[in-house]
Amino acid sequence: MKRGLVGLVVAILIGGLVGPASAGATQAQKQAAAPYSYTGPVPLPDQGALFGAFVALDDHHGLVRRQAVPRYEAMIGRKLAVERVYYLWDEMFPTADDYWSRDKGRTLLLSWNTSESDASSCAGRWADIAAGLYDADIDARAEAIKAFAAPMFFSFHHEPTTAPPNHIACGTPDEYQAAWRYIKERFDADGVTNVTYVLILTALNYTRDKLDLYYPGDDVIDVLAADGYNWYSCEYHPGPGRWRPFSPTSTTPALRRVSP
């Protein structure tokens, strides 16, 4: 779905945490609002944000990434600190373009989704991943990430509550947590040290108190992130909608948490 967007803006917010957790907040929310002590591989500023985007390949920006991203940067008048990239289960990454972006000074925010590239099915159901049926795939990606030799943000199956292209659910919330934990543990065992792990849910999941359903634990996740959508003129959403500013579109684009 996001591959059809011209430019998806990504802001990893570092300063200005949400306020202290209320007495009725969930445990995950309390942890997210606690004093900041992140020590992960991606260097994060003490204040402000890392500004980035996903840039679609089209006639406007360019049909190849090495043309489209610089054109997008020229249009907005600034260099991207973070480039958002998406890969499905049977797609290889990092790619040559990822290496190119790295060498241009950008940090990848990379998602690995369990759907196959032809959208025929969930290539890896979450329960099967946690049961070890896809160890070879995980180990291969771990070796490729190590060879990339640069810090990156990594998210397993971002937005797990949204329907995949084939509308086949890949599992339950508990199975999602188990798969997340299994991939993190497998990466650790394979010697991956250059990854900051990001749980990405839609903004509505936070406002509807669903974080705990999908949160695999402090020892797995480094950064919490929320996807908020502005549907103005979007061909994939019914109705034209009105343009909305950033703050009401997303609850909190990224919540820092306390590292264990």
Protein backbone atom coordinates (compact mmCIF):
# COMPACT_ATOMS: atom_id res chain seq x y z
CA MET A 1 0.00 0.00 0.00
CA LYS A 2 2.65 2.52 0.99
CA ARG A 3 4.61 1.89 -2.19
CA GLY A 4 1.96 3.91 -3.99
CA LEU A 5 2.56 7.03 -1.91
CA VAL A 6 4.64 9.78 -3.47
CA GLY A 7 6.49 10.60 -0.29
CA LEU A 8 5.78 9.11 3.10
CA VAL A 9 7.33 11.36 5.72
CA VAL A 10 9.04 9.65 8.63
CA ALA A 11 9.92 11.54 11.80
CA ILE A 12 11.71 9.68 14.56
CA LEU A 13 11.05 12.04 17.46
CA ILE A 14 13.74 12.16 20.10
CA GLY A 15 12.85 15.13 22.29
CA GLY A 16 9.59 16.01 23.97
CA LEU A 17 8.33 12.73 25.34
CA VAL A 18 4.73 12.26 26.24
CA GLY A 19 3.99 13.26 29.81
CA PRO A 20 4.25 10.99 32.84
CA ALA A 21 2.12 7.88 32.61
CA SER A 22 -1.22 8.12 34.35
CA ALA A 23 -2.17 5.73 37.11
CA GLY A 24 -4.41 3.82 34.72
CA ALA A 25 -1.84 3.49 31.94
CA THR A 26 -0.73 0.08 30.75
CA GLN A 27 2.71 -1.23 31.64
CA ALA A 28 4.01 -0.70 28.10
CA GLN A 29 2.79 2.91 28.14
CA LYS A 30 4.46 3.55 31.48
CA GLN A 31 7.72 2.15 30.15
CA ALA A 32 7.43 4.28 27.04
CA ALA A 33 6.94 7.44 29.10
CA ALA A 34 9.74 6.71 31.59
CA PRO A 35 13.05 8.65 31.61
CA TYR A 36 14.99 8.08 28.43
CA SER A 37 18.02 5.77 28.45
CA TYR A 38 18.27 4.47 24.89
CA THR A 39 21.69 3.04 23.98
CA GLY A 40 20.99 1.32 20.64
CA PRO A 41 23.13 1.21 17.48
CA VAL A 42 21.49 4.14 15.65
CA PRO A 43 22.79 7.40 17.15
CA LEU A 44 19.84 9.53 18.25
CA PRO A 45 19.99 13.25 19.02
CA ASP A 46 19.19 14.46 22.52
CA GLN A 47 16.58 16.84 21.12
CA GLY A 48 14.65 17.28 17.90
CA ALA A 49 13.98 14.66 15.27
CA LEU A 50 15.55 12.56 12.56
CA PHE A 51 13.61 13.61 9.46
CA GLY A 52 13.08 11.08 6.69
CA ALA A 53 10.70 9.78 4.04
CA PHE A 54 9.73 6.93 1.78
CA VAL A 55 9.99 8.14 -1.83
CA ALA A 56 7.88 6.36 -4.42
CA LEU A 57 9.27 5.72 -7.89
CA ASP A 58 7.14 7.56 -10.44
CA ASP A 59 7.27 9.91 -13.40
CA HIS A 60 7.44 12.93 -11.09
CA HIS A 61 10.49 12.01 -9.01
CA GLY A 62 12.06 9.35 -11.19
CA LEU A 63 11.71 5.67 -11.98
CA VAL A 64 14.92 4.62 -10.23
CA ARG A 65 15.69 5.22 -6.57
CA ARG A 66 19.06 6.90 -7.14
CA GLN A 67 17.26 9.54 -9.18
CA ALA A 68 14.01 9.82 -7.19
CA VAL A 69 15.48 10.32 -3.72
CA PRO A 70 17.85 13.18 -4.67
CA ARG A 71 15.02 14.88 -6.58
CA TYR A 72 12.77 14.57 -3.55
CA GLU A 73 15.49 16.05 -1.33
CA ALA A 74 15.90 18.94 -3.77
CA MET A 75 12.14 19.53 -3.74
CA ILE A 76 11.89 19.72 0.07
CA GLY A 77 15.18 21.63 0.41
CA ARG A 78 16.89 19.26 2.83
CA LYS A 79 18.75 15.96 2.98
CA LEU A 80 16.95 12.95 4.40
CA ALA A 81 18.44 11.65 7.62
CA VAL A 82 16.30 8.49 7.35
CA GLU A 83 15.10 6.64 4.26
CA ARG A 84 12.07 4.41 4.75
CA VAL A 85 12.22 1.10 2.84
CA TYR A 86 9.90 -1.91 2.71
CA TYR A 87 10.60 -5.55 1.91
CA LEU A 88 8.36 -8.58 1.73
CA TRP A 89 9.35 -11.99 3.03
CA ASP A 90 10.89 -13.39 -0.15
CA GLU A 91 12.70 -10.18 -1.16
CA MET A 92 16.42 -9.90 -0.55
CA PHE A 93 17.82 -6.96 1.42
CA PRO A 94 19.83 -4.84 1.87
CA THR A 95 19.96 -4.09 -1.86
CA ALA A 96 22.55 -2.21 -3.91
CA ASP A 97 20.33 0.87 -3.60
CA ASP A 98 20.33 0.46 0.17
CA TYR A 99 24.14 0.48 0.10
CA TRP A 100 24.03 3.57 -2.12
CA SER A 101 21.72 5.34 0.34
CA ARG A 102 23.97 4.35 3.23
CA ASP A 103 26.99 5.78 1.43
CA LYS A 104 25.06 9.05 0.92
CA GLY A 105 24.74 9.37 4.69
CA ARG A 106 21.16 8.20 5.18
CA THR A 107 20.01 5.72 7.83
CA LEU A 108 17.56 3.03 6.73
CA LEU A 109 14.26 2.44 8.48
CA LEU A 110 13.61 -1.03 7.09
CA SER A 111 10.48 -3.15 7.42
CA TRP A 112 10.37 -6.89 6.77
CA ASN A 113 6.81 -8.05 6.15
CA THR A 114 5.74 -11.70 6.12
CA SER A 115 3.67 -11.46 2.92
CA GLU A 116 5.12 -12.82 -0.31
CA SER A 117 5.96 -10.41 -3.13
CA ASP A 118 3.14 -11.79 -5.30
CA ALA A 119 0.68 -11.23 -2.40
CA SER A 120 -0.47 -14.85 -2.70
CA SER A 121 -0.18 -15.67 1.00
CA CYS A 122 1.68 -15.05 4.22
CA ALA A 123 5.02 -16.60 3.36
CA GLY A 124 5.80 -16.90 7.03
CA ARG A 125 2.88 -17.20 9.43
CA TRP A 126 3.88 -15.74 12.77
CA ALA A 127 3.42 -19.02 14.66
CA ASP A 128 5.56 -20.87 12.12
CA ILE A 129 8.32 -18.25 12.41
CA ALA A 130 8.38 -18.64 16.20
CA ALA A 131 8.39 -22.44 15.79
CA GLY A 132 11.64 -22.29 13.79
CA LEU A 133 10.26 -23.18 10.36
CA TYR A 134 11.96 -20.19 8.72
CA ASP A 135 15.35 -20.18 10.41
CA ALA A 136 17.22 -20.29 7.10
CA ASP A 137 15.44 -17.14 5.89
CA ILE A 138 16.09 -15.32 9.16
CA ASP A 139 19.75 -16.35 9.26
CA ALA A 140 20.28 -15.24 5.66
CA ARG A 141 18.85 -11.80 6.40
CA ALA A 142 20.94 -11.60 9.56
CA GLU A 143 24.13 -12.22 7.59
CA ALA A 144 23.12 -9.62 5.00
CA ILE A 145 22.40 -7.04 7.70
CA LYS A 146 25.77 -7.71 9.33
CA ALA A 147 27.51 -7.31 5.99
CA PHE A 148 25.73 -3.96 5.54
CA ALA A 149 27.95 -2.78 8.41
CA ALA A 150 25.95 0.36 9.23
CA PRO A 151 23.33 1.07 11.90
CA MET A 152 19.72 0.75 10.75
CA PHE A 153 16.22 0.82 12.19
CA PHE A 154 14.51 -2.55 11.72
CA SER A 155 10.82 -3.34 12.05
CA PHE A 156 9.27 -6.80 11.76
CA HIS A 157 5.87 -6.77 10.02
CA HIS A 158 4.94 -3.14 10.68
CA GLU A 159 1.25 -2.38 11.21
CA PRO A 160 0.30 -5.97 12.12
CA THR A 161 -3.37 -4.98 12.56
CA THR A 162 -3.81 -3.86 8.94
CA ALA A 163 -4.85 -6.43 6.34
CA PRO A 164 -2.10 -7.69 3.99
CA PRO A 165 -2.69 -7.38 0.24
CA ASN A 166 -4.26 -10.84 0.17
CA HIS A 167 -6.41 -10.14 3.26
CA ILE A 168 -5.09 -13.29 4.92
CA ALA A 169 -4.19 -12.77 8.57
CA CYS A 170 -0.73 -13.97 9.49
CA GLY A 171 -1.62 -14.88 13.05
CA THR A 172 -2.80 -13.69 16.45
CA PRO A 173 -1.34 -10.88 18.60
CA ASP A 174 0.37 -13.43 20.85
CA GLU A 175 1.87 -15.14 17.81
CA TYR A 176 3.06 -11.78 16.53
CA GLN A 177 4.85 -11.11 19.82
CA ALA A 178 6.42 -14.57 19.70
CA ALA A 179 7.62 -14.10 16.11
CA TRP A 180 9.10 -10.68 16.93
CA ARG A 181 10.94 -12.13 19.92
CA TYR A 182 12.16 -15.12 17.93
CA ILE A 183 13.59 -12.98 15.12
CA LYS A 184 15.33 -10.68 17.63
CA GLU A 185 16.82 -13.66 19.49
CA ARG A 186 17.88 -15.26 16.21
CA PHE A 187 19.52 -12.04 15.05
CA ASP A 188 21.34 -11.82 18.40
CA ALA A 189 22.54 -15.42 18.10
CA ASP A 190 23.73 -14.71 14.56
CA GLY A 191 25.79 -11.76 15.79
CA VAL A 192 23.70 -8.83 14.51
CA THR A 193 24.75 -5.72 16.43
CA ASN A 194 23.91 -2.86 14.05
CA VAL A 195 20.11 -2.83 14.44
CA THR A 196 17.77 -0.62 16.45
CA TYR A 197 14.48 -2.52 16.76
CA VAL A 198 11.24 -0.58 16.13
CA LEU A 199 7.67 -1.68 16.81
CA ILE A 200 5.43 0.16 14.32
CA LEU A 201 1.68 0.21 14.93
CA THR A 202 -0.96 2.49 13.46
CA ALA A 203 -1.77 5.56 15.54
CA LEU A 204 -5.24 4.14 16.18
CA ASN A 205 -3.70 1.17 18.00
CA TYR A 206 -2.33 3.57 20.60
CA THR A 207 -5.50 5.61 20.96
CA ARG A 208 -7.48 2.37 21.33
CA ASP A 209 -5.07 0.95 23.95
CA LYS A 210 -3.90 -1.99 21.85
CA LEU A 211 -0.18 -1.53 22.44
CA ASP A 212 0.12 -4.29 25.03
CA LEU A 213 -1.50 -6.78 22.65
CA TYR A 214 1.42 -6.50 20.21
CA TYR A 215 4.33 -5.39 22.40
CA PRO A 216 6.92 -8.20 22.65
CA GLY A 217 8.86 -6.69 25.56
CA ASP A 218 11.49 -4.21 26.63
CA ASP A 219 14.27 -6.67 25.85
CA VAL A 220 13.09 -6.85 22.22
CA ILE A 221 11.99 -3.32 21.27
CA ASP A 222 14.14 -0.17 21.33
CA VAL A 223 11.69 2.36 19.83
CA LEU A 224 7.91 2.57 19.64
CA ALA A 225 6.50 4.20 16.51
CA ALA A 226 3.04 5.19 15.28
CA ASP A 227 1.82 5.45 11.69
CA GLY A 228 -0.68 8.28 11.35
CA TYR A 229 -2.29 8.94 7.96
CA ASN A 230 -3.35 12.11 6.22
CA TRP A 231 -5.75 10.89 3.53
CA TYR A 232 -5.97 14.17 1.61
CA SER A 233 -6.20 13.42 -2.15
CA CYS A 234 -5.15 9.79 -1.55
CA GLU A 235 -6.42 7.49 -4.33
CA TYR A 236 -6.34 4.49 -1.97
CA HIS A 237 -8.80 5.96 0.52
CA PRO A 238 -12.51 6.66 -0.07
CA GLY A 239 -13.53 10.30 -0.03
CA PRO A 240 -11.29 13.29 -0.69
CA GLY A 241 -10.81 14.19 2.96
CA ARG A 242 -9.38 17.48 4.15
CA TRP A 243 -5.76 18.32 4.74
CA ARG A 244 -4.82 17.85 8.37
CA PRO A 245 -1.69 19.12 10.13
CA PHE A 246 0.79 16.65 11.58
CA SER A 247 -0.15 16.71 15.28
CA PRO A 248 -3.75 15.38 15.03
CA THR A 249 -2.82 12.91 12.30
CA SER A 250 -0.66 10.77 14.57
CA THR A 251 -0.79 10.27 18.31
CA THR A 252 2.95 10.27 18.87
CA PRO A 253 5.16 9.49 15.84
CA ALA A 254 7.74 7.74 17.96
CA LEU A 255 7.97 7.15 21.68
CA ARG A 256 11.34 6.65 23.26
CA ARG A 257 11.53 3.94 25.85
CA VAL A 258 13.85 2.87 28.63
CA SER A 259 16.44 0.33 27.54
CA PRO A 260 16.78 -2.56 30.00
